[in-house]
Amino acid sequence: MTATPGAPLRLTVDELAARAGVTVRTLRFYGTKGLLPPPELGPRRVGLYGERHLERLELIEELQRQGLTLAAIERYLAQLPADISSLDLAIHRALVATWAPESEEELSRGQLERRAGRSLSELDLDRLVAMGALHRTEDPELFRIEPGLLPLGIRIVDVPIPLETLIATRAVVRHHSQATAHDLHHLFLETVWKPFRESNPAPADLERMKELTDQIQPMVVQALVTAFQRSLAEELARGATRPGPTD
């Protein structure tokens, strides 16, 4: 079933599967899990899918590429408005592709130790988990790693910092980074993406905006790192001038 120029896209389940590069069985599964909205009923009660379904499938694919589990994808999609437009879905996909960190990897105990270049005790593993460099799975011999954090974690795993301090440090960092991410995301949506969306952009404009965001992302990340380093240096300097508990 092909659409005439300018008419809304209307695809059968087989056509949608072919366009999205998935099987019909996968589409049915997504539908039962609530990841894909139900189709509209066309002539002879044939289910018809549109641009919004195609964009949603592309967003699911992007989230999977970033290493999200099906349960995490369900939670992500559940936060989106039920009547979200295909353009908004495309914007979400562009933001996910641009700002997502390196995908997690799964490694066996042996692969992890070869990556670390050393044997790892259970205490070593606990410390890496506390730092967020490593995540345990249901299989005690299989781990999910954060590629950007693991090399740093390995370097300091033997530093005599109490485990509870590592856990508390990670909690502080997560709390403040989540608040910063929330504020930046809101600011970016309101001042950049919302005006862009309201300008009725063409598909090519969306790709150019994504490329622009790709270029901005490293600068924002580096600005956060630099601001944190300066704030920490200032805090340490202030601490050096304060009277100690026994002064």
C-alpha atoms as a PDB file:
ATOM      1  CA  MET A   1       0.000   0.000   0.000  1.00  0.00           C
ATOM      2  CA  THR A   2       1.757   3.156  -1.185  1.00  0.00           C
ATOM      3  CA  ALA A   3       0.941   6.735  -0.265  1.00  0.00           C
ATOM      4  CA  THR A   4       0.312   9.388  -2.864  1.00  0.00           C
ATOM      5  CA  PRO A   5       2.600  12.443  -2.760  1.00  0.00           C
ATOM      6  CA  GLY A   6       1.618  14.733   0.107  1.00  0.00           C
ATOM      7  CA  ALA A   7      -0.738  12.168   1.652  1.00  0.00           C
ATOM      8  CA  PRO A   8      -0.153  10.736   5.138  1.00  0.00           C
ATOM      9  CA  LEU A   9       1.962   7.596   5.206  1.00  0.00           C
ATOM     10  CA  ARG A  10      -0.146   4.443   5.495  1.00  0.00           C
ATOM     11  CA  LEU A  11       1.654   1.098   5.739  1.00  0.00           C
ATOM     12  CA  THR A  12       0.491  -2.444   6.351  1.00  0.00           C
ATOM     13  CA  VAL A  13       2.321  -4.417   9.018  1.00  0.00           C
ATOM     14  CA  ASP A  14       4.404  -6.162   6.348  1.00  0.00           C
ATOM     15  CA  GLU A  15       5.343  -2.844   4.729  1.00  0.00           C
ATOM     16  CA  LEU A  16       6.219  -1.311   8.102  1.00  0.00           C
ATOM     17  CA  ALA A  17       8.413  -4.298   8.967  1.00  0.00           C
ATOM     18  CA  ALA A  18      10.224  -3.965   5.638  1.00  0.00           C
ATOM     19  CA  ARG A  19      10.742  -0.208   6.068  1.00  0.00           C
ATOM     20  CA  ALA A  20      11.992  -0.592   9.660  1.00  0.00           C
ATOM     21  CA  GLY A  21      14.183  -3.618   8.949  1.00  0.00           C
ATOM     22  CA  VAL A  22      12.516  -5.827  11.559  1.00  0.00           C
ATOM     23  CA  THR A  23      10.274  -8.867  11.427  1.00  0.00           C
ATOM     24  CA  VAL A  24       6.498  -8.800  11.660  1.00  0.00           C
ATOM     25  CA  ARG A  25       6.861 -10.955  14.771  1.00  0.00           C
ATOM     26  CA  THR A  26       8.983  -8.230  16.374  1.00  0.00           C
ATOM     27  CA  LEU A  27       6.345  -5.616  15.560  1.00  0.00           C
ATOM     28  CA  ARG A  28       3.633  -7.774  17.126  1.00  0.00           C
ATOM     29  CA  PHE A  29       5.810  -8.227  20.215  1.00  0.00           C
ATOM     30  CA  TYR A  30       6.418  -4.475  20.508  1.00  0.00           C
ATOM     31  CA  GLY A  31       2.685  -3.940  20.239  1.00  0.00           C
ATOM     32  CA  THR A  32       1.894  -6.370  23.072  1.00  0.00           C
ATOM     33  CA  LYS A  33       4.533  -4.679  25.267  1.00  0.00           C
ATOM     34  CA  GLY A  34       3.067  -1.244  24.599  1.00  0.00           C
ATOM     35  CA  LEU A  35       6.207  -0.017  22.825  1.00  0.00           C
ATOM     36  CA  LEU A  36       4.295   0.582  19.606  1.00  0.00           C
ATOM     37  CA  PRO A  37       0.860   2.268  19.460  1.00  0.00           C
ATOM     38  CA  PRO A  38      -1.939   0.240  17.879  1.00  0.00           C
ATOM     39  CA  PRO A  39      -2.533   0.806  14.166  1.00  0.00           C
ATOM     40  CA  GLU A  40      -5.467   2.618  12.671  1.00  0.00           C
ATOM     41  CA  LEU A  41      -8.092   0.388  11.128  1.00  0.00           C
ATOM     42  CA  GLY A  42      -8.416   0.900   7.386  1.00  0.00           C
ATOM     43  CA  PRO A  43     -10.688  -0.689   4.774  1.00  0.00           C
ATOM     44  CA  ARG A  44     -11.595  -4.313   5.554  1.00  0.00           C
ATOM     45  CA  ARG A  45     -10.241  -3.666   9.090  1.00  0.00           C
ATOM     46  CA  VAL A  46      -6.651  -3.842   7.898  1.00  0.00           C
ATOM     47  CA  GLY A  47      -4.257  -2.296  10.409  1.00  0.00           C
ATOM     48  CA  LEU A  48      -2.436   0.730   8.969  1.00  0.00           C
ATOM     49  CA  TYR A  49       0.719   2.302  10.383  1.00  0.00           C
ATOM     50  CA  GLY A  50       2.015   5.815   9.826  1.00  0.00           C
ATOM     51  CA  GLU A  51       5.059   8.029  10.153  1.00  0.00           C
ATOM     52  CA  ARG A  52       4.733   8.104  13.938  1.00  0.00           C
ATOM     53  CA  HIS A  53       5.092   4.318  14.120  1.00  0.00           C
ATOM     54  CA  LEU A  54       8.153   4.400  11.900  1.00  0.00           C
ATOM     55  CA  GLU A  55       9.805   7.134  13.977  1.00  0.00           C
ATOM     56  CA  ARG A  56       9.006   5.257  17.175  1.00  0.00           C
ATOM     57  CA  LEU A  57      10.664   2.128  15.802  1.00  0.00           C
ATOM     58  CA  GLU A  58      13.754   4.151  14.891  1.00  0.00           C
ATOM     59  CA  LEU A  59      13.839   5.570  18.436  1.00  0.00           C
ATOM     60  CA  ILE A  60      13.605   2.028  19.876  1.00  0.00           C
ATOM     61  CA  GLU A  61      16.468   0.964  17.616  1.00  0.00           C
ATOM     62  CA  GLU A  62      18.582   3.946  18.783  1.00  0.00           C
ATOM     63  CA  LEU A  63      17.900   3.153  22.430  1.00  0.00           C
ATOM     64  CA  GLN A  64      18.909  -0.466  21.830  1.00  0.00           C
ATOM     65  CA  ARG A  65      22.148   0.687  20.192  1.00  0.00           C
ATOM     66  CA  GLN A  66      22.898   2.667  23.342  1.00  0.00           C
ATOM     67  CA  GLY A  67      22.674  -0.540  25.370  1.00  0.00           C
ATOM     68  CA  LEU A  68      19.272  -0.036  27.041  1.00  0.00           C
ATOM     69  CA  THR A  69      17.411  -3.155  28.062  1.00  0.00           C
ATOM     70  CA  LEU A  70      13.850  -3.732  26.894  1.00  0.00           C
ATOM     71  CA  ALA A  71      12.575  -2.847  30.382  1.00  0.00           C
ATOM     72  CA  ALA A  72      14.528   0.439  30.316  1.00  0.00           C
ATOM     73  CA  ILE A  73      13.148   1.231  26.846  1.00  0.00           C
ATOM     74  CA  GLU A  74       9.621   0.591  28.131  1.00  0.00           C
ATOM     75  CA  ARG A  75      10.199   3.073  30.981  1.00  0.00           C
ATOM     76  CA  TYR A  76      11.648   5.657  28.589  1.00  0.00           C
ATOM     77  CA  LEU A  77       8.758   5.409  26.132  1.00  0.00           C
ATOM     78  CA  ALA A  78       6.175   5.428  28.928  1.00  0.00           C
ATOM     79  CA  GLN A  79       7.267   8.982  29.758  1.00  0.00           C
ATOM     80  CA  LEU A  80       6.445  10.253  26.269  1.00  0.00           C
ATOM     81  CA  PRO A  81       3.009  11.757  25.575  1.00  0.00           C
ATOM     82  CA  ALA A  82       0.559   9.357  23.968  1.00  0.00           C
ATOM     83  CA  ASP A  83      -0.103  11.829  21.126  1.00  0.00           C
ATOM     84  CA  ILE A  84       3.573  12.658  20.464  1.00  0.00           C
ATOM     85  CA  SER A  85       4.169  13.640  16.845  1.00  0.00           C
ATOM     86  CA  SER A  86       6.555  11.974  14.421  1.00  0.00           C
ATOM     87  CA  LEU A  87       8.729  15.123  14.474  1.00  0.00           C
ATOM     88  CA  ASP A  88       8.975  15.016  18.270  1.00  0.00           C
ATOM     89  CA  LEU A  89       9.963  11.357  18.083  1.00  0.00           C
ATOM     90  CA  ALA A  90      12.644  12.242  15.549  1.00  0.00           C
ATOM     91  CA  ILE A  91      13.925  14.956  17.914  1.00  0.00           C
ATOM     92  CA  HIS A  92      14.065  12.464  20.792  1.00  0.00           C
ATOM     93  CA  ARG A  93      16.012  10.050  18.599  1.00  0.00           C
ATOM     94  CA  ALA A  94      18.476  12.773  17.606  1.00  0.00           C
ATOM     95  CA  LEU A  95      19.011  13.762  21.242  1.00  0.00           C
ATOM     96  CA  VAL A  96      19.527  10.156  22.335  1.00  0.00           C
ATOM     97  CA  ALA A  97      22.049   9.536  19.557  1.00  0.00           C
ATOM     98  CA  THR A  98      23.936  12.736  20.350  1.00  0.00           C
ATOM     99  CA  TRP A  99      24.093  12.712  24.135  1.00  0.00           C
ATOM    100  CA  ALA A 100      24.201   9.031  25.045  1.00  0.00           C
ATOM    101  CA  PRO A 101      27.495   7.814  26.559  1.00  0.00           C
ATOM    102  CA  GLU A 102      29.491   4.922  25.217  1.00  0.00           C
ATOM    103  CA  SER A 103      27.434   1.742  25.219  1.00  0.00           C
ATOM    104  CA  GLU A 104      27.994  -0.684  28.069  1.00  0.00           C
ATOM    105  CA  GLU A 105      29.797  -3.930  27.286  1.00  0.00           C
ATOM    106  CA  GLU A 106      29.288  -7.349  28.808  1.00  0.00           C
ATOM    107  CA  LEU A 107      32.445  -9.210  29.828  1.00  0.00           C
ATOM    108  CA  SER A 108      33.080 -12.501  31.535  1.00  0.00           C
ATOM    109  CA  ARG A 109      35.319 -12.595  34.627  1.00  0.00           C
ATOM    110  CA  GLY A 110      38.233 -13.781  32.493  1.00  0.00           C
ATOM    111  CA  GLN A 111      37.694 -11.097  29.827  1.00  0.00           C
ATOM    112  CA  LEU A 112      37.427  -8.438  32.534  1.00  0.00           C
ATOM    113  CA  GLU A 113      40.709  -9.503  34.138  1.00  0.00           C
ATOM    114  CA  ARG A 114      42.446  -9.531  30.757  1.00  0.00           C
ATOM    115  CA  ARG A 115      41.104  -6.021  30.106  1.00  0.00           C
ATOM    116  CA  ALA A 116      42.366  -4.963  33.550  1.00  0.00           C
ATOM    117  CA  GLY A 117      45.723  -6.676  33.065  1.00  0.00           C
ATOM    118  CA  ARG A 118      45.496  -8.255  36.528  1.00  0.00           C
ATOM    119  CA  SER A 119      43.469 -10.651  38.633  1.00  0.00           C
ATOM    120  CA  LEU A 120      40.559  -9.099  40.523  1.00  0.00           C
ATOM    121  CA  SER A 121      39.420 -10.150  43.976  1.00  0.00           C
ATOM    122  CA  GLU A 122      35.821  -9.904  45.151  1.00  0.00           C
ATOM    123  CA  LEU A 123      36.796  -6.761  47.072  1.00  0.00           C
ATOM    124  CA  ASP A 124      38.278  -5.285  43.879  1.00  0.00           C
ATOM    125  CA  LEU A 125      35.001  -6.020  42.086  1.00  0.00           C
ATOM    126  CA  ASP A 126      32.996  -4.425  44.922  1.00  0.00           C
ATOM    127  CA  ARG A 127      35.138  -1.289  44.684  1.00  0.00           C
ATOM    128  CA  LEU A 128      34.713  -1.070  40.911  1.00  0.00           C
ATOM    129  CA  VAL A 129      30.951  -1.460  41.337  1.00  0.00           C
ATOM    130  CA  ALA A 130      30.958   1.294  43.966  1.00  0.00           C
ATOM    131  CA  MET A 131      32.777   3.581  41.505  1.00  0.00           C
ATOM    132  CA  GLY A 132      30.192   2.869  38.797  1.00  0.00           C
ATOM    133  CA  ALA A 133      32.827   1.336  36.507  1.00  0.00           C
ATOM    134  CA  LEU A 134      31.259  -2.099  36.768  1.00  0.00           C
ATOM    135  CA  HIS A 135      27.762  -3.549  37.157  1.00  0.00           C
ATOM    136  CA  ARG A 136      26.961  -7.047  38.316  1.00  0.00           C
ATOM    137  CA  THR A 137      24.432  -9.208  36.481  1.00  0.00           C
ATOM    138  CA  GLU A 138      22.358 -12.218  37.509  1.00  0.00           C
ATOM    139  CA  ASP A 139      25.296 -14.357  36.377  1.00  0.00           C
ATOM    140  CA  PRO A 140      28.078 -13.937  38.995  1.00  0.00           C
ATOM    141  CA  GLU A 141      30.692 -14.493  36.280  1.00  0.00           C
ATOM    142  CA  LEU A 142      29.278 -11.900  33.862  1.00  0.00           C
ATOM    143  CA  PHE A 143      29.638  -8.133  34.264  1.00  0.00           C
ATOM    144  CA  ARG A 144      28.511  -4.999  32.472  1.00  0.00           C
ATOM    145  CA  ILE A 145      31.218  -2.362  32.236  1.00  0.00           C
ATOM    146  CA  GLU A 146      31.260   1.373  31.613  1.00  0.00           C
ATOM    147  CA  PRO A 147      34.003   1.744  28.945  1.00  0.00           C
ATOM    148  CA  GLY A 148      34.757   5.330  29.927  1.00  0.00           C
ATOM    149  CA  LEU A 149      35.146   4.583  33.652  1.00  0.00           C
ATOM    150  CA  LEU A 150      36.721   1.129  33.802  1.00  0.00           C
ATOM    151  CA  PRO A 151      40.333   2.156  32.923  1.00  0.00           C
ATOM    152  CA  LEU A 152      40.242   4.888  35.590  1.00  0.00           C
ATOM    153  CA  GLY A 153      38.680   2.528  38.103  1.00  0.00           C
ATOM    154  CA  ILE A 154      41.393  -0.067  37.535  1.00  0.00           C
ATOM    155  CA  ARG A 155      44.077   2.575  38.146  1.00  0.00           C
ATOM    156  CA  ILE A 156      42.706   3.532  41.563  1.00  0.00           C
ATOM    157  CA  VAL A 157      41.217   0.234  42.734  1.00  0.00           C
ATOM    158  CA  ASP A 158      44.126  -0.239  45.156  1.00  0.00           C
ATOM    159  CA  VAL A 159      44.003   3.316  46.540  1.00  0.00           C
ATOM    160  CA  PRO A 160      43.119   2.954  50.262  1.00  0.00           C
ATOM    161  CA  ILE A 161      39.770   4.753  50.147  1.00  0.00           C
ATOM    162  CA  PRO A 162      37.025   3.105  52.257  1.00  0.00           C
ATOM    163  CA  LEU A 163      34.322   1.359  50.250  1.00  0.00           C
ATOM    164  CA  GLU A 164      31.600   3.401  51.954  1.00  0.00           C
ATOM    165  CA  THR A 165      33.378   6.592  50.856  1.00  0.00           C
ATOM    166  CA  LEU A 166      33.353   5.431  47.224  1.00  0.00           C
ATOM    167  CA  ILE A 167      29.638   4.631  47.474  1.00  0.00           C
ATOM    168  CA  ALA A 168      28.857   8.006  49.058  1.00  0.00           C
ATOM    169  CA  THR A 169      30.980   9.813  46.458  1.00  0.00           C
ATOM    170  CA  ARG A 170      29.137   8.138  43.614  1.00  0.00           C
ATOM    171  CA  ALA A 171      25.774   9.057  45.182  1.00  0.00           C
ATOM    172  CA  VAL A 172      26.803  12.722  45.473  1.00  0.00           C
ATOM    173  CA  VAL A 173      28.035  12.829  41.863  1.00  0.00           C
ATOM    174  CA  ARG A 174      24.885  11.126  40.541  1.00  0.00           C
ATOM    175  CA  HIS A 175      22.592  13.449  42.508  1.00  0.00           C
ATOM    176  CA  HIS A 176      24.194  16.638  41.243  1.00  0.00           C
ATOM    177  CA  SER A 177      24.821  15.390  37.707  1.00  0.00           C
ATOM    178  CA  GLN A 178      21.161  14.382  37.372  1.00  0.00           C
ATOM    179  CA  ALA A 179      20.064  17.844  38.512  1.00  0.00           C
ATOM    180  CA  THR A 180      22.487  19.488  36.070  1.00  0.00           C
ATOM    181  CA  ALA A 181      21.388  17.214  33.222  1.00  0.00           C
ATOM    182  CA  HIS A 182      17.721  17.981  33.959  1.00  0.00           C
ATOM    183  CA  ASP A 183      18.308  21.759  33.884  1.00  0.00           C
ATOM    184  CA  LEU A 184      20.455  21.615  30.731  1.00  0.00           C
ATOM    185  CA  HIS A 185      17.955  19.367  28.971  1.00  0.00           C
ATOM    186  CA  HIS A 186      15.089  21.728  29.831  1.00  0.00           C
ATOM    187  CA  LEU A 187      17.092  24.765  28.706  1.00  0.00           C
ATOM    188  CA  PHE A 188      18.107  23.107  25.446  1.00  0.00           C
ATOM    189  CA  LEU A 189      14.556  21.984  24.651  1.00  0.00           C
ATOM    190  CA  GLU A 190      13.015  25.374  25.414  1.00  0.00           C
ATOM    191  CA  THR A 191      15.573  27.613  23.699  1.00  0.00           C
ATOM    192  CA  VAL A 192      16.813  25.449  20.824  1.00  0.00           C
ATOM    193  CA  TRP A 193      14.603  22.483  19.980  1.00  0.00           C
ATOM    194  CA  LYS A 194      11.215  24.071  20.664  1.00  0.00           C
ATOM    195  CA  PRO A 195      11.781  27.065  18.317  1.00  0.00           C
ATOM    196  CA  PHE A 196      13.293  24.673  15.789  1.00  0.00           C
ATOM    197  CA  ARG A 197      10.248  22.371  16.003  1.00  0.00           C
ATOM    198  CA  GLU A 198       7.826  25.288  15.624  1.00  0.00           C
ATOM    199  CA  SER A 199       9.591  26.350  12.410  1.00  0.00           C
ATOM    200  CA  ASN A 200       8.179  23.258  10.616  1.00  0.00           C
ATOM    201  CA  PRO A 201      11.623  21.946   9.638  1.00  0.00           C
ATOM    202  CA  ALA A 202      12.258  19.673   6.687  1.00  0.00           C
ATOM    203  CA  PRO A 203      13.921  16.260   7.290  1.00  0.00           C
ATOM    204  CA  ALA A 204      17.233  17.653   6.040  1.00  0.00           C
ATOM    205  CA  ASP A 205      16.997  20.465   8.623  1.00  0.00           C
ATOM    206  CA  LEU A 206      16.630  17.883  11.396  1.00  0.00           C
ATOM    207  CA  GLU A 207      19.836  16.171  10.281  1.00  0.00           C
ATOM    208  CA  ARG A 208      21.676  19.499  10.240  1.00  0.00           C
ATOM    209  CA  MET A 209      20.420  20.257  13.760  1.00  0.00           C
ATOM    210  CA  LYS A 210      21.651  16.853  14.915  1.00  0.00           C
ATOM    211  CA  GLU A 211      25.090  17.585  13.423  1.00  0.00           C
ATOM    212  CA  LEU A 212      25.138  20.937  15.237  1.00  0.00           C
ATOM    213  CA  THR A 213      24.239  19.196  18.514  1.00  0.00           C
ATOM    214  CA  ASP A 214      27.025  16.666  17.895  1.00  0.00           C
ATOM    215  CA  GLN A 215      29.472  19.572  17.729  1.00  0.00           C
ATOM    216  CA  ILE A 216      28.100  21.271  20.860  1.00  0.00           C
ATOM    217  CA  GLN A 217      28.082  18.143  23.039  1.00  0.00           C
ATOM    218  CA  PRO A 218      31.870  17.848  23.614  1.00  0.00           C
ATOM    219  CA  MET A 219      32.057  21.540  24.529  1.00  0.00           C
ATOM    220  CA  VAL A 220      29.262  21.217  27.094  1.00  0.00           C
ATOM    221  CA  VAL A 221      30.854  18.116  28.645  1.00  0.00           C
ATOM    222  CA  GLN A 222      34.257  19.806  28.838  1.00  0.00           C
ATOM    223  CA  ALA A 223      32.680  22.952  30.301  1.00  0.00           C
ATOM    224  CA  LEU A 224      31.096  20.830  33.058  1.00  0.00           C
ATOM    225  CA  VAL A 225      34.414  19.120  33.805  1.00  0.00           C
ATOM    226  CA  THR A 226      36.264  22.444  33.884  1.00  0.00           C
ATOM    227  CA  ALA A 227      33.644  24.096  36.086  1.00  0.00           C
ATOM    228  CA  PHE A 228      33.793  21.166  38.512  1.00  0.00           C
ATOM    229  CA  GLN A 229      37.595  21.262  38.643  1.00  0.00           C
ATOM    230  CA  ARG A 230      37.578  24.989  39.375  1.00  0.00           C
ATOM    231  CA  SER A 231      34.855  24.638  42.005  1.00  0.00           C
ATOM    232  CA  LEU A 232      36.741  21.816  43.697  1.00  0.00           C
ATOM    233  CA  ALA A 233      39.995  23.815  43.683  1.00  0.00           C
ATOM    234  CA  GLU A 234      38.184  26.790  45.219  1.00  0.00           C
ATOM    235  CA  GLU A 235      36.606  24.560  47.874  1.00  0.00           C
ATOM    236  CA  LEU A 236      39.986  23.039  48.737  1.00  0.00           C
ATOM    237  CA  ALA A 237      41.522  26.523  48.976  1.00  0.00           C
ATOM    238  CA  ARG A 238      38.753  27.702  51.292  1.00  0.00           C
ATOM    239  CA  GLY A 239      39.161  24.567  53.381  1.00  0.00           C
ATOM    240  CA  ALA A 240      42.867  25.233  53.812  1.00  0.00           C
ATOM    241  CA  THR A 241      42.127  28.609  55.433  1.00  0.00           C
ATOM    242  CA  ARG A 242      39.437  27.350  57.826  1.00  0.00           C
ATOM    243  CA  PRO A 243      40.371  26.540  61.421  1.00  0.00           C
ATOM    244  CA  GLY A 244      40.737  22.834  62.056  1.00  0.00           C
ATOM    245  CA  PRO A 245      38.645  21.003  64.700  1.00  0.00           C
ATOM    246  CA  THR A 246      41.481  21.235  67.237  1.00  0.00           C
ATOM    247  CA  ASP A 247      42.557  24.822  66.443  1.00  0.00           C
END
